[in-house]
Amino acid sequence: MAYLDGFVVPVPEGSKQAYQEMAAKASKVFLEYGALRIMEGWGSDVPRGTNTDFFMATKAEEGENVVFSWIIWPDKATRDTGWEKIMKDERMQPPSPMPFDGKRMFWGGFEPIVDESQG
């Protein structure tokens, strides 16, 4: 069964292009090590809540937007093996300067409980 990694990170509006370039480069490495699909979403309809929201969760500051990303793997074993290789891959060295504050990024791995699609 498929396995998912999800990420949420605040990114300064002015760093959108740098983030996109970094993510595109990294996505090739993830695919090489077994990921099936990588998606990076730039917030375009992200409401502000009163108790919690994506901005509060990441402690986004004025002038920052939120990126919601996910990676689909064929299964958890492939994901675990892939991540081990990814963490050792020299191509995954962080750019300087980083286009976001990694301390406010959060992530996790998920087992699908509903998986529907058209087609």
N, C-alpha and C. Protein backbone atom coordinates (compact mmCIF):
# COMPACT_ATOMS: atom_id res chain seq x y z
N MET A 1 0.84 -1.18 0.00
CA MET A 1 0.00 0.00 0.00
C MET A 1 0.88 1.24 0.00
N ALA A 2 0.43 2.29 -0.67
CA ALA A 2 1.18 3.54 -0.77
C ALA A 2 1.48 4.12 0.62
N TYR A 3 2.44 5.01 0.66
CA TYR A 3 2.81 5.71 1.88
C TYR A 3 3.05 7.16 1.51
N LEU A 4 2.72 8.07 2.40
CA LEU A 4 2.81 9.50 2.14
C LEU A 4 3.72 10.20 3.13
N ASP A 5 4.49 11.15 2.63
CA ASP A 5 5.20 12.10 3.47
C ASP A 5 4.57 13.45 3.21
N GLY A 6 4.29 14.21 4.27
CA GLY A 6 3.71 15.54 4.12
C GLY A 6 4.56 16.57 4.83
N PHE A 7 4.62 17.78 4.26
CA PHE A 7 5.43 18.86 4.79
C PHE A 7 4.66 20.17 4.70
N VAL A 8 4.84 21.02 5.68
CA VAL A 8 4.30 22.38 5.63
C VAL A 8 5.41 23.31 6.10
N VAL A 9 5.65 24.38 5.30
CA VAL A 9 6.75 25.29 5.62
C VAL A 9 6.37 26.71 5.22
N PRO A 10 6.72 27.70 6.06
CA PRO A 10 6.51 29.09 5.66
C PRO A 10 7.68 29.55 4.78
N VAL A 11 7.35 30.26 3.71
CA VAL A 11 8.37 30.73 2.78
C VAL A 11 8.13 32.21 2.50
N PRO A 12 9.16 33.04 2.63
CA PRO A 12 9.00 34.46 2.28
C PRO A 12 8.51 34.60 0.84
N GLU A 13 7.56 35.50 0.63
CA GLU A 13 7.02 35.74 -0.71
C GLU A 13 8.14 35.98 -1.72
N GLY A 14 9.17 36.71 -1.33
CA GLY A 14 10.27 37.02 -2.23
C GLY A 14 11.18 35.85 -2.53
N SER A 15 11.00 34.73 -1.83
CA SER A 15 11.84 33.54 -2.03
C SER A 15 11.11 32.44 -2.79
N LYS A 16 9.95 32.77 -3.33
CA LYS A 16 9.16 31.74 -4.04
C LYS A 16 9.97 31.07 -5.14
N GLN A 17 10.62 31.84 -5.99
CA GLN A 17 11.38 31.27 -7.11
C GLN A 17 12.53 30.40 -6.60
N ALA A 18 13.26 30.88 -5.61
CA ALA A 18 14.37 30.10 -5.06
C ALA A 18 13.86 28.79 -4.44
N TYR A 19 12.73 28.86 -3.75
CA TYR A 19 12.14 27.65 -3.16
C TYR A 19 11.74 26.68 -4.28
N GLN A 20 11.09 27.20 -5.30
CA GLN A 20 10.63 26.37 -6.40
C GLN A 20 11.80 25.67 -7.09
N GLU A 21 12.89 26.38 -7.30
CA GLU A 21 14.08 25.79 -7.92
C GLU A 21 14.69 24.71 -7.03
N MET A 22 14.76 24.99 -5.72
CA MET A 22 15.30 24.00 -4.79
C MET A 22 14.42 22.74 -4.77
N ALA A 23 13.10 22.93 -4.73
CA ALA A 23 12.17 21.81 -4.69
C ALA A 23 12.22 20.99 -5.98
N ALA A 24 12.34 21.65 -7.13
CA ALA A 24 12.42 20.94 -8.40
C ALA A 24 13.68 20.08 -8.46
N LYS A 25 14.78 20.63 -7.98
CA LYS A 25 16.04 19.88 -7.94
C LYS A 25 15.92 18.66 -7.01
N ALA A 26 15.36 18.88 -5.84
CA ALA A 26 15.22 17.79 -4.87
C ALA A 26 14.25 16.72 -5.36
N SER A 27 13.21 17.13 -6.07
CA SER A 27 12.21 16.16 -6.52
C SER A 27 12.84 15.09 -7.41
N LYS A 28 13.81 15.47 -8.22
CA LYS A 28 14.49 14.49 -9.07
C LYS A 28 15.20 13.43 -8.24
N VAL A 29 15.78 13.85 -7.13
CA VAL A 29 16.47 12.91 -6.25
C VAL A 29 15.45 11.97 -5.58
N PHE A 30 14.35 12.53 -5.11
CA PHE A 30 13.31 11.69 -4.50
C PHE A 30 12.79 10.65 -5.48
N LEU A 31 12.54 11.06 -6.72
CA LEU A 31 12.05 10.12 -7.74
C LEU A 31 13.10 9.05 -8.02
N GLU A 32 14.35 9.44 -8.06
CA GLU A 32 15.44 8.48 -8.30
C GLU A 32 15.47 7.40 -7.21
N TYR A 33 15.13 7.78 -5.98
CA TYR A 33 15.19 6.83 -4.87
C TYR A 33 13.84 6.20 -4.54
N GLY A 34 12.91 6.23 -5.49
CA GLY A 34 11.71 5.42 -5.33
C GLY A 34 10.39 6.14 -5.15
N ALA A 35 10.40 7.45 -4.95
CA ALA A 35 9.13 8.17 -4.82
C ALA A 35 8.37 8.07 -6.14
N LEU A 36 7.04 8.03 -6.05
CA LEU A 36 6.21 7.96 -7.24
C LEU A 36 5.78 9.34 -7.73
N ARG A 37 5.58 10.24 -6.79
CA ARG A 37 5.10 11.58 -7.15
C ARG A 37 5.47 12.56 -6.05
N ILE A 38 5.84 13.77 -6.46
CA ILE A 38 6.16 14.85 -5.53
C ILE A 38 5.32 16.05 -5.95
N MET A 39 4.66 16.67 -4.99
CA MET A 39 3.89 17.87 -5.27
C MET A 39 4.23 18.93 -4.25
N GLU A 40 4.41 20.14 -4.73
CA GLU A 40 4.68 21.30 -3.88
C GLU A 40 3.59 22.32 -4.19
N GLY A 41 2.84 22.73 -3.19
CA GLY A 41 1.76 23.67 -3.40
C GLY A 41 2.00 25.00 -2.72
N TRP A 42 2.00 26.08 -3.51
CA TRP A 42 2.15 27.45 -2.98
C TRP A 42 0.77 27.92 -2.56
N GLY A 43 0.61 28.36 -1.32
CA GLY A 43 -0.69 28.78 -0.81
C GLY A 43 -1.36 29.83 -1.68
N SER A 44 -2.59 29.55 -2.11
CA SER A 44 -3.33 30.53 -2.91
C SER A 44 -4.72 30.77 -2.35
N ASP A 45 -5.21 29.87 -1.53
CA ASP A 45 -6.52 30.01 -0.90
C ASP A 45 -6.43 29.39 0.50
N VAL A 46 -5.65 30.04 1.34
CA VAL A 46 -5.36 29.51 2.68
C VAL A 46 -5.97 30.46 3.70
N PRO A 47 -7.15 30.12 4.22
CA PRO A 47 -7.82 31.04 5.15
C PRO A 47 -7.10 31.14 6.49
N ARG A 48 -7.22 32.29 7.07
CA ARG A 48 -6.70 32.51 8.43
C ARG A 48 -7.79 32.11 9.41
N GLY A 49 -7.42 31.31 10.39
CA GLY A 49 -8.38 30.84 11.38
C GLY A 49 -8.29 31.63 12.67
N THR A 50 -9.17 31.29 13.61
CA THR A 50 -9.13 31.94 14.92
C THR A 50 -8.43 31.07 15.95
N ASN A 51 -8.49 29.75 15.78
CA ASN A 51 -7.84 28.84 16.72
C ASN A 51 -6.55 28.25 16.16
N THR A 52 -6.59 27.88 14.88
CA THR A 52 -5.40 27.34 14.24
C THR A 52 -5.54 27.46 12.73
N ASP A 53 -4.45 27.46 12.05
CA ASP A 53 -4.41 27.45 10.59
C ASP A 53 -2.98 27.16 10.17
N PHE A 54 -2.74 27.11 8.86
CA PHE A 54 -1.40 26.82 8.37
C PHE A 54 -0.40 27.90 8.78
N PHE A 55 -0.84 29.16 8.81
CA PHE A 55 0.06 30.25 9.18
C PHE A 55 0.45 30.16 10.65
N MET A 56 -0.53 29.90 11.51
CA MET A 56 -0.22 29.77 12.94
C MET A 56 0.65 28.55 13.20
N ALA A 57 0.35 27.45 12.52
CA ALA A 57 1.09 26.21 12.75
C ALA A 57 2.58 26.37 12.43
N THR A 58 2.89 27.21 11.44
CA THR A 58 4.28 27.42 11.05
C THR A 58 4.87 28.71 11.62
N LYS A 59 4.06 29.42 12.41
CA LYS A 59 4.48 30.72 12.94
C LYS A 59 4.92 31.65 11.81
N ALA A 60 4.15 31.60 10.70
CA ALA A 60 4.47 32.44 9.54
C ALA A 60 4.46 33.91 9.95
N GLU A 61 5.40 34.63 9.41
CA GLU A 61 5.55 36.05 9.70
C GLU A 61 4.96 36.87 8.55
N GLU A 62 4.80 38.15 8.77
CA GLU A 62 4.31 39.05 7.73
C GLU A 62 5.18 38.89 6.49
N GLY A 63 4.55 38.76 5.32
CA GLY A 63 5.30 38.62 4.07
C GLY A 63 5.67 37.19 3.73
N GLU A 64 5.20 36.24 4.52
CA GLU A 64 5.46 34.83 4.23
C GLU A 64 4.17 34.14 3.78
N ASN A 65 4.33 33.16 2.93
CA ASN A 65 3.23 32.31 2.51
C ASN A 65 3.54 30.90 2.99
N VAL A 66 2.59 30.00 2.82
CA VAL A 66 2.77 28.63 3.28
C VAL A 66 2.83 27.69 2.08
N VAL A 67 3.78 26.78 2.12
CA VAL A 67 3.90 25.73 1.10
C VAL A 67 3.46 24.42 1.74
N PHE A 68 2.61 23.71 1.03
CA PHE A 68 2.11 22.40 1.46
C PHE A 68 2.64 21.39 0.45
N SER A 69 3.42 20.43 0.91
CA SER A 69 4.09 19.49 0.03
C SER A 69 3.81 18.07 0.45
N TRP A 70 3.82 17.19 -0.54
CA TRP A 70 3.67 15.79 -0.21
C TRP A 70 4.41 14.94 -1.23
N ILE A 71 4.81 13.77 -0.75
CA ILE A 71 5.52 12.79 -1.57
C ILE A 71 4.75 11.49 -1.45
N ILE A 72 4.48 10.89 -2.58
CA ILE A 72 3.80 9.59 -2.59
C ILE A 72 4.85 8.52 -2.91
N TRP A 73 4.89 7.53 -2.03
CA TRP A 73 5.80 6.39 -2.18
C TRP A 73 4.98 5.14 -2.44
N PRO A 74 5.56 4.11 -3.04
CA PRO A 74 4.79 2.88 -3.27
C PRO A 74 4.44 2.16 -1.96
N ASP A 75 5.30 2.30 -0.94
CA ASP A 75 5.07 1.67 0.36
C ASP A 75 6.06 2.26 1.36
N LYS A 76 5.86 1.94 2.64
CA LYS A 76 6.71 2.50 3.69
C LYS A 76 8.15 1.98 3.59
N ALA A 77 8.32 0.73 3.21
CA ALA A 77 9.67 0.17 3.10
C ALA A 77 10.49 0.94 2.05
N THR A 78 9.88 1.24 0.90
CA THR A 78 10.57 2.02 -0.13
C THR A 78 10.88 3.41 0.38
N ARG A 79 9.94 3.99 1.10
CA ARG A 79 10.15 5.33 1.67
C ARG A 79 11.32 5.31 2.64
N ASP A 80 11.34 4.35 3.55
CA ASP A 80 12.41 4.29 4.55
C ASP A 80 13.78 4.10 3.89
N THR A 81 13.86 3.21 2.92
CA THR A 81 15.11 2.99 2.19
C THR A 81 15.49 4.23 1.39
N GLY A 82 14.49 4.83 0.73
CA GLY A 82 14.74 6.04 -0.05
C GLY A 82 15.27 7.17 0.80
N TRP A 83 14.63 7.42 1.95
CA TRP A 83 15.07 8.52 2.82
C TRP A 83 16.50 8.30 3.31
N GLU A 84 16.84 7.06 3.60
CA GLU A 84 18.21 6.77 4.05
C GLU A 84 19.22 7.19 2.98
N LYS A 85 18.93 6.88 1.74
CA LYS A 85 19.82 7.25 0.63
C LYS A 85 19.79 8.75 0.37
N ILE A 86 18.62 9.34 0.46
CA ILE A 86 18.46 10.78 0.22
C ILE A 86 19.30 11.59 1.22
N MET A 87 19.27 11.18 2.46
CA MET A 87 20.00 11.91 3.50
C MET A 87 21.51 11.84 3.30
N LYS A 88 21.99 10.85 2.55
CA LYS A 88 23.42 10.72 2.29
C LYS A 88 23.82 11.32 0.94
N ASP A 89 22.86 11.67 0.12
CA ASP A 89 23.13 12.14 -1.23
C ASP A 89 23.67 13.57 -1.21
N GLU A 90 24.82 13.78 -1.81
CA GLU A 90 25.45 15.11 -1.82
C GLU A 90 24.61 16.17 -2.52
N ARG A 91 23.74 15.76 -3.45
CA ARG A 91 22.89 16.71 -4.15
C ARG A 91 21.84 17.33 -3.25
N MET A 92 21.65 16.75 -2.06
CA MET A 92 20.63 17.24 -1.14
C MET A 92 21.19 18.20 -0.10
N GLN A 93 22.40 18.68 -0.31
CA GLN A 93 22.95 19.69 0.59
C GLN A 93 22.10 20.96 0.47
N PRO A 94 21.75 21.57 1.58
CA PRO A 94 20.90 22.76 1.52
C PRO A 94 21.59 23.92 0.81
N PRO A 95 20.80 24.67 0.03
CA PRO A 95 21.40 25.84 -0.64
C PRO A 95 21.72 26.92 0.38
N SER A 96 22.58 27.82 -0.02
CA SER A 96 22.91 28.95 0.84
C SER A 96 22.71 30.23 0.04
N PRO A 97 21.85 31.09 0.51
CA PRO A 97 21.04 30.95 1.72
C PRO A 97 19.81 30.07 1.47
N MET A 98 19.28 29.52 2.54
CA MET A 98 18.06 28.73 2.45
C MET A 98 16.90 29.67 2.12
N PRO A 99 15.97 29.23 1.27
CA PRO A 99 14.84 30.09 0.93
C PRO A 99 13.71 30.06 1.96
N PHE A 100 13.93 29.41 3.10
CA PHE A 100 12.92 29.35 4.16
C PHE A 100 13.60 29.03 5.49
N ASP A 101 12.84 29.20 6.57
CA ASP A 101 13.34 28.91 7.92
C ASP A 101 12.91 27.49 8.29
N GLY A 102 13.84 26.56 8.18
CA GLY A 102 13.54 25.16 8.44
C GLY A 102 13.10 24.85 9.86
N LYS A 103 13.35 25.75 10.80
CA LYS A 103 12.94 25.51 12.19
C LYS A 103 11.42 25.56 12.33
N ARG A 104 10.75 26.21 11.37
CA ARG A 104 9.29 26.33 11.46
C ARG A 104 8.57 25.38 10.50
N MET A 105 9.32 24.50 9.87
CA MET A 105 8.75 23.49 8.99
C MET A 105 8.29 22.31 9.85
N PHE A 106 7.18 21.69 9.45
CA PHE A 106 6.81 20.44 10.12
C PHE A 106 6.45 19.40 9.07
N TRP A 107 6.58 18.14 9.46
CA TRP A 107 6.42 17.05 8.52
C TRP A 107 6.03 15.78 9.23
N GLY A 108 5.64 14.79 8.46
CA GLY A 108 5.31 13.49 9.03
C GLY A 108 5.03 12.49 7.93
N GLY A 109 5.03 11.22 8.29
CA GLY A 109 4.71 10.13 7.38
C GLY A 109 3.33 9.60 7.70
N PHE A 110 2.60 9.20 6.66
CA PHE A 110 1.20 8.83 6.83
C PHE A 110 0.85 7.58 6.04
N GLU A 111 0.06 6.71 6.69
CA GLU A 111 -0.53 5.56 6.02
C GLU A 111 -1.89 5.98 5.49
N PRO A 112 -2.16 5.80 4.21
CA PRO A 112 -3.47 6.18 3.67
C PRO A 112 -4.60 5.39 4.33
N ILE A 113 -5.69 6.08 4.59
CA ILE A 113 -6.88 5.40 5.10
C ILE A 113 -8.05 5.52 4.12
N VAL A 114 -7.95 6.45 3.18
CA VAL A 114 -8.87 6.56 2.04
C VAL A 114 -8.01 6.90 0.84
N ASP A 115 -8.23 6.22 -0.27
CA ASP A 115 -7.44 6.46 -1.48
C ASP A 115 -8.38 6.29 -2.68
N GLU A 116 -8.93 7.37 -3.15
CA GLU A 116 -9.88 7.35 -4.26
C GLU A 116 -9.37 8.26 -5.37
N SER A 117 -9.69 7.93 -6.60
CA SER A 117 -9.35 8.81 -7.72
C SER A 117 -10.29 8.53 -8.87
N GLN A 118 -10.34 9.47 -9.80
CA GLN A 118 -11.09 9.26 -11.03
C GLN A 118 -10.13 8.74 -12.07
N GLY A 119 -10.57 7.74 -12.78
CA GLY A 119 -9.73 7.24 -13.88
C GLY A 119 -8.88 6.12 -13.57
